[in-house]
């Protein structure tokens, strides 16, 4: 059985919410925290059927400063569960926060 996305995020050990803390009806908190969103599917198809369903998500880590140890913590959990990922980074000037983005196939 596939690991569920919530179980995966619990293993990372940071507060998290789907889409936003407001949308998830959770109280906003200071960083670091993770927001995740479903971005689509990349299913494997054959014989006019979906043979293997692959959901794609974006995990967005928000921090007030660069935290390589937290990034490594996330990457170690993804690697441990054989979840392929790509990573990018953005600085959000008006919020003085880093956004580290992990695109994962789940």
N, C-alpha and C. Protein backbone atom coordinates (compact mmCIF):
# COMPACT_ATOMS: atom_id res chain seq x y z
N UNK A 1 0.83 -1.19 0.00
CA UNK A 1 0.00 0.00 0.00
C UNK A 1 0.88 1.25 0.00
N UNK A 2 0.49 2.21 -0.79
CA UNK A 2 1.24 3.46 -0.86
C UNK A 2 1.11 4.27 0.43
N UNK A 3 2.19 4.88 0.78
CA UNK A 3 2.17 5.81 1.90
C UNK A 3 1.27 6.99 1.55
N UNK A 4 0.41 7.40 2.44
CA UNK A 4 -0.47 8.54 2.21
C UNK A 4 0.31 9.84 2.40
N UNK A 5 -0.10 10.89 1.71
CA UNK A 5 0.62 12.17 1.76
C UNK A 5 0.65 12.74 3.18
N UNK A 6 -0.44 12.63 3.93
CA UNK A 6 -0.44 13.14 5.31
C UNK A 6 0.55 12.36 6.18
N UNK A 7 0.62 11.06 6.00
CA UNK A 7 1.57 10.25 6.76
C UNK A 7 3.00 10.65 6.44
N UNK A 8 3.26 10.92 5.17
CA UNK A 8 4.59 11.36 4.76
C UNK A 8 4.94 12.68 5.44
N UNK A 9 4.03 13.63 5.41
CA UNK A 9 4.30 14.94 5.99
C UNK A 9 4.48 14.84 7.51
N UNK A 10 3.76 13.96 8.16
CA UNK A 10 3.94 13.75 9.59
C UNK A 10 5.35 13.25 9.89
N UNK A 11 5.89 12.41 9.03
CA UNK A 11 7.24 11.88 9.22
C UNK A 11 8.29 12.99 9.10
N UNK A 12 8.01 14.02 8.32
CA UNK A 12 8.94 15.15 8.19
C UNK A 12 9.01 15.91 9.51
N UNK A 13 7.89 16.01 10.21
CA UNK A 13 7.91 16.59 11.54
C UNK A 13 7.72 18.09 11.64
N UNK A 14 7.30 18.73 10.55
CA UNK A 14 7.02 20.17 10.58
C UNK A 14 5.51 20.39 10.48
N UNK A 15 5.01 21.51 10.99
CA UNK A 15 3.59 21.81 10.79
C UNK A 15 3.29 21.91 9.29
N UNK A 16 2.10 21.46 8.89
CA UNK A 16 1.75 21.50 7.47
C UNK A 16 0.26 21.73 7.29
N UNK A 17 -0.09 22.19 6.09
CA UNK A 17 -1.49 22.42 5.73
C UNK A 17 -1.64 22.24 4.24
N UNK A 18 -2.84 21.86 3.82
CA UNK A 18 -3.14 21.76 2.39
C UNK A 18 -3.52 23.14 1.86
N UNK A 19 -2.86 23.57 0.82
CA UNK A 19 -3.08 24.84 0.11
C UNK A 19 -2.68 26.06 0.93
N UNK A 20 -3.24 26.23 2.10
CA UNK A 20 -2.88 27.32 3.01
C UNK A 20 -3.46 26.99 4.37
N UNK A 21 -2.95 27.64 5.38
CA UNK A 21 -3.51 27.39 6.71
C UNK A 21 -4.96 27.88 6.78
N UNK A 22 -5.28 28.97 6.10
CA UNK A 22 -6.67 29.46 6.07
C UNK A 22 -7.59 28.45 5.39
N UNK A 23 -7.18 27.95 4.22
CA UNK A 23 -8.01 26.99 3.48
C UNK A 23 -8.20 25.70 4.26
N UNK A 24 -7.20 25.33 5.05
CA UNK A 24 -7.28 24.10 5.85
C UNK A 24 -7.92 24.33 7.21
N UNK A 25 -8.36 25.57 7.43
CA UNK A 25 -8.98 25.94 8.72
C UNK A 25 -8.05 25.67 9.89
N UNK A 26 -6.77 25.94 9.65
CA UNK A 26 -5.78 25.82 10.71
C UNK A 26 -5.27 27.22 11.04
N UNK A 27 -4.86 27.40 12.26
CA UNK A 27 -4.34 28.69 12.69
C UNK A 27 -2.98 28.94 12.04
N UNK A 28 -2.80 30.14 11.50
CA UNK A 28 -1.51 30.51 10.90
C UNK A 28 -0.43 30.47 11.97
N UNK A 29 0.75 30.03 11.57
CA UNK A 29 1.87 29.90 12.50
C UNK A 29 3.11 30.52 11.89
N UNK A 30 4.11 30.82 12.71
CA UNK A 30 5.36 31.34 12.15
C UNK A 30 6.15 30.21 11.48
N UNK A 31 7.02 30.56 10.51
CA UNK A 31 7.83 29.53 9.85
C UNK A 31 8.86 28.95 10.82
N UNK A 32 9.36 27.76 10.54
CA UNK A 32 9.18 26.97 9.31
C UNK A 32 7.90 26.14 9.34
N UNK A 33 7.32 26.00 8.16
CA UNK A 33 6.15 25.15 7.98
C UNK A 33 6.07 24.75 6.51
N UNK A 34 5.21 23.77 6.23
CA UNK A 34 5.03 23.26 4.87
C UNK A 34 3.59 23.47 4.44
N UNK A 35 3.42 23.92 3.22
CA UNK A 35 2.11 23.95 2.56
C UNK A 35 2.23 23.02 1.35
N UNK A 36 1.23 22.19 1.13
CA UNK A 36 1.30 21.30 -0.03
C UNK A 36 0.04 21.43 -0.88
N UNK A 37 0.21 21.18 -2.18
CA UNK A 37 -0.92 21.23 -3.12
C UNK A 37 -0.80 20.08 -4.12
N UNK A 38 -1.93 19.57 -4.52
CA UNK A 38 -2.00 18.57 -5.59
C UNK A 38 -1.86 19.32 -6.91
N UNK A 39 -0.94 18.89 -7.77
CA UNK A 39 -0.70 19.60 -9.04
C UNK A 39 -1.14 18.82 -10.26
N UNK A 40 -1.54 17.57 -10.11
CA UNK A 40 -2.00 16.80 -11.26
C UNK A 40 -1.56 15.35 -11.19
N UNK A 41 -1.60 14.69 -12.35
CA UNK A 41 -1.16 13.30 -12.43
C UNK A 41 -0.22 13.14 -13.61
N UNK A 42 0.62 12.12 -13.52
CA UNK A 42 1.48 11.69 -14.62
C UNK A 42 1.35 10.18 -14.71
N UNK A 43 0.15 9.74 -15.02
CA UNK A 43 -0.16 8.32 -15.00
C UNK A 43 0.58 7.56 -16.10
N UNK A 44 0.84 6.29 -15.81
CA UNK A 44 1.45 5.39 -16.78
C UNK A 44 0.30 4.63 -17.44
N UNK A 45 0.24 4.73 -18.77
CA UNK A 45 -0.90 4.17 -19.51
C UNK A 45 -0.43 3.11 -20.50
N UNK A 46 -1.31 2.15 -20.72
CA UNK A 46 -1.08 1.12 -21.75
C UNK A 46 -2.42 0.50 -22.10
N UNK A 47 -2.57 0.13 -23.36
CA UNK A 47 -3.81 -0.52 -23.81
C UNK A 47 -5.06 0.28 -23.46
N UNK A 48 -4.97 1.58 -23.66
CA UNK A 48 -6.09 2.49 -23.40
C UNK A 48 -6.59 2.46 -21.95
N UNK A 49 -5.68 2.19 -21.03
CA UNK A 49 -6.02 2.16 -19.61
C UNK A 49 -4.91 2.81 -18.80
N UNK A 50 -5.27 3.28 -17.64
CA UNK A 50 -4.26 3.75 -16.68
C UNK A 50 -3.76 2.52 -15.95
N UNK A 51 -2.49 2.20 -16.14
CA UNK A 51 -1.91 1.01 -15.51
C UNK A 51 -1.35 1.33 -14.12
N UNK A 52 -0.86 2.57 -13.97
CA UNK A 52 -0.29 2.96 -12.68
C UNK A 52 -0.55 4.44 -12.47
N UNK A 53 -1.21 4.76 -11.39
CA UNK A 53 -1.56 6.15 -11.09
C UNK A 53 -0.41 6.83 -10.36
N UNK A 54 0.01 7.98 -10.87
CA UNK A 54 1.07 8.76 -10.24
C UNK A 54 0.54 10.18 -10.00
N UNK A 55 0.31 10.50 -8.74
CA UNK A 55 -0.12 11.85 -8.38
C UNK A 55 1.11 12.73 -8.19
N UNK A 56 0.99 13.99 -8.56
CA UNK A 56 2.08 14.92 -8.35
C UNK A 56 1.64 16.00 -7.36
N UNK A 57 2.54 16.32 -6.47
CA UNK A 57 2.29 17.33 -5.45
C UNK A 57 3.45 18.32 -5.43
N UNK A 58 3.15 19.50 -4.91
CA UNK A 58 4.20 20.47 -4.64
C UNK A 58 4.22 20.69 -3.13
N UNK A 59 5.38 20.41 -2.52
CA UNK A 59 5.58 20.72 -1.11
C UNK A 59 6.33 22.04 -1.06
N UNK A 60 5.78 23.00 -0.35
CA UNK A 60 6.40 24.32 -0.24
C UNK A 60 6.84 24.53 1.20
N UNK A 61 8.15 24.55 1.40
CA UNK A 61 8.72 24.82 2.72
C UNK A 61 8.93 26.31 2.85
N UNK A 62 8.36 26.92 3.88
CA UNK A 62 8.53 28.35 4.14
C UNK A 62 9.40 28.53 5.37
N UNK A 63 10.45 29.35 5.23
CA UNK A 63 11.35 29.64 6.34
C UNK A 63 11.70 31.12 6.35
N UNK A 64 12.03 31.63 7.53
CA UNK A 64 12.42 33.04 7.63
C UNK A 64 13.91 33.22 7.36
N UNK A 65 14.66 32.13 7.35
CA UNK A 65 16.07 32.14 7.00
C UNK A 65 16.40 30.83 6.30
N UNK A 66 17.53 30.79 5.64
CA UNK A 66 17.94 29.57 4.95
C UNK A 66 18.26 28.50 5.99
N UNK A 67 17.60 27.34 5.89
CA UNK A 67 17.77 26.26 6.86
C UNK A 67 18.12 24.96 6.14
N UNK A 68 19.39 24.79 5.75
CA UNK A 68 19.78 23.57 5.04
C UNK A 68 19.48 22.29 5.81
N UNK A 69 19.55 22.33 7.13
CA UNK A 69 19.27 21.11 7.91
C UNK A 69 17.81 20.69 7.78
N UNK A 70 16.90 21.65 7.67
CA UNK A 70 15.48 21.32 7.50
C UNK A 70 15.24 20.78 6.09
N UNK A 71 15.91 21.37 5.10
CA UNK A 71 15.80 20.86 3.73
C UNK A 71 16.30 19.42 3.67
N UNK A 72 17.41 19.16 4.33
CA UNK A 72 17.97 17.80 4.36
C UNK A 72 17.01 16.83 5.06
N UNK A 73 16.37 17.29 6.10
CA UNK A 73 15.38 16.47 6.81
C UNK A 73 14.26 16.04 5.86
N UNK A 74 13.75 16.98 5.07
CA UNK A 74 12.70 16.67 4.09
C UNK A 74 13.22 15.69 3.05
N UNK A 75 14.40 15.98 2.51
CA UNK A 75 14.97 15.14 1.45
C UNK A 75 15.24 13.73 1.95
N UNK A 76 15.68 13.59 3.19
CA UNK A 76 15.92 12.26 3.76
C UNK A 76 14.63 11.45 3.86
N UNK A 77 13.54 12.08 4.27
CA UNK A 77 12.25 11.37 4.35
C UNK A 77 11.80 10.96 2.95
N UNK A 78 11.92 11.86 1.98
CA UNK A 78 11.53 11.52 0.61
C UNK A 78 12.37 10.35 0.08
N UNK A 79 13.67 10.41 0.30
CA UNK A 79 14.56 9.33 -0.16
C UNK A 79 14.23 8.01 0.53
N UNK A 80 14.00 8.07 1.82
CA UNK A 80 13.71 6.85 2.59
C UNK A 80 12.48 6.13 2.05
N UNK A 81 11.52 6.89 1.53
CA UNK A 81 10.27 6.30 1.03
C UNK A 81 10.24 6.21 -0.50
N UNK A 82 11.42 6.34 -1.12
CA UNK A 82 11.56 6.18 -2.58
C UNK A 82 10.63 7.11 -3.36
N UNK A 83 10.55 8.36 -2.92
CA UNK A 83 9.71 9.34 -3.59
C UNK A 83 10.60 10.27 -4.40
N UNK A 84 10.49 10.23 -5.74
CA UNK A 84 11.32 11.10 -6.57
C UNK A 84 10.91 12.57 -6.39
N UNK A 85 11.89 13.45 -6.43
CA UNK A 85 11.62 14.87 -6.21
C UNK A 85 12.56 15.75 -7.01
N UNK A 86 12.09 16.96 -7.28
CA UNK A 86 12.89 18.04 -7.84
C UNK A 86 12.72 19.23 -6.90
N UNK A 87 13.75 20.08 -6.86
CA UNK A 87 13.76 21.17 -5.88
C UNK A 87 14.08 22.50 -6.55
N UNK A 88 13.41 23.55 -6.10
CA UNK A 88 13.74 24.91 -6.53
C UNK A 88 13.54 25.84 -5.34
N UNK A 89 13.96 27.09 -5.51
CA UNK A 89 13.91 28.03 -4.39
C UNK A 89 13.54 29.42 -4.87
N UNK A 90 12.77 30.11 -4.05
CA UNK A 90 12.35 31.49 -4.33
C UNK A 90 12.45 32.27 -3.03
N UNK A 91 12.86 33.53 -3.13
CA UNK A 91 12.80 34.41 -1.96
C UNK A 91 11.61 35.34 -2.14
N UNK A 92 10.74 35.40 -1.15
CA UNK A 92 9.55 36.24 -1.21
C UNK A 92 9.87 37.52 -0.46
N UNK A 93 10.20 38.54 -1.22
CA UNK A 93 10.68 39.80 -0.66
C UNK A 93 9.70 40.46 0.29
N UNK A 94 8.45 40.58 -0.11
CA UNK A 94 7.48 41.31 0.71
C UNK A 94 7.11 40.59 2.00
N UNK A 95 7.46 39.31 2.11
CA UNK A 95 7.20 38.55 3.33
C UNK A 95 8.49 38.17 4.06
N UNK A 96 9.64 38.53 3.46
CA UNK A 96 10.96 38.20 4.03
C UNK A 96 11.06 36.71 4.36
N UNK A 97 10.66 35.88 3.39
CA UNK A 97 10.70 34.43 3.59
C UNK A 97 11.29 33.73 2.38
N UNK A 98 11.92 32.60 2.67
CA UNK A 98 12.35 31.69 1.62
C UNK A 98 11.23 30.69 1.38
N UNK A 99 11.04 30.33 0.11
CA UNK A 99 10.12 29.26 -0.26
C UNK A 99 10.94 28.21 -1.00
N UNK A 100 11.10 27.06 -0.39
CA UNK A 100 11.80 25.94 -1.00
C UNK A 100 10.72 25.00 -1.53
N UNK A 101 10.76 24.74 -2.83
CA UNK A 101 9.70 23.99 -3.48
C UNK A 101 10.20 22.60 -3.87
N UNK A 102 9.48 21.58 -3.42
CA UNK A 102 9.76 20.20 -3.81
C UNK A 102 8.59 19.72 -4.66
N UNK A 103 8.86 19.37 -5.90
CA UNK A 103 7.86 18.74 -6.76
C UNK A 103 8.07 17.24 -6.63
N UNK A 104 7.04 16.54 -6.17
CA UNK A 104 7.19 15.10 -5.93
C UNK A 104 6.16 14.31 -6.72
N UNK A 105 6.55 13.09 -7.09
CA UNK A 105 5.66 12.11 -7.70
C UNK A 105 5.30 11.12 -6.60
N UNK A 106 4.02 10.91 -6.41
CA UNK A 106 3.59 10.16 -5.23
C UNK A 106 2.61 9.08 -5.61
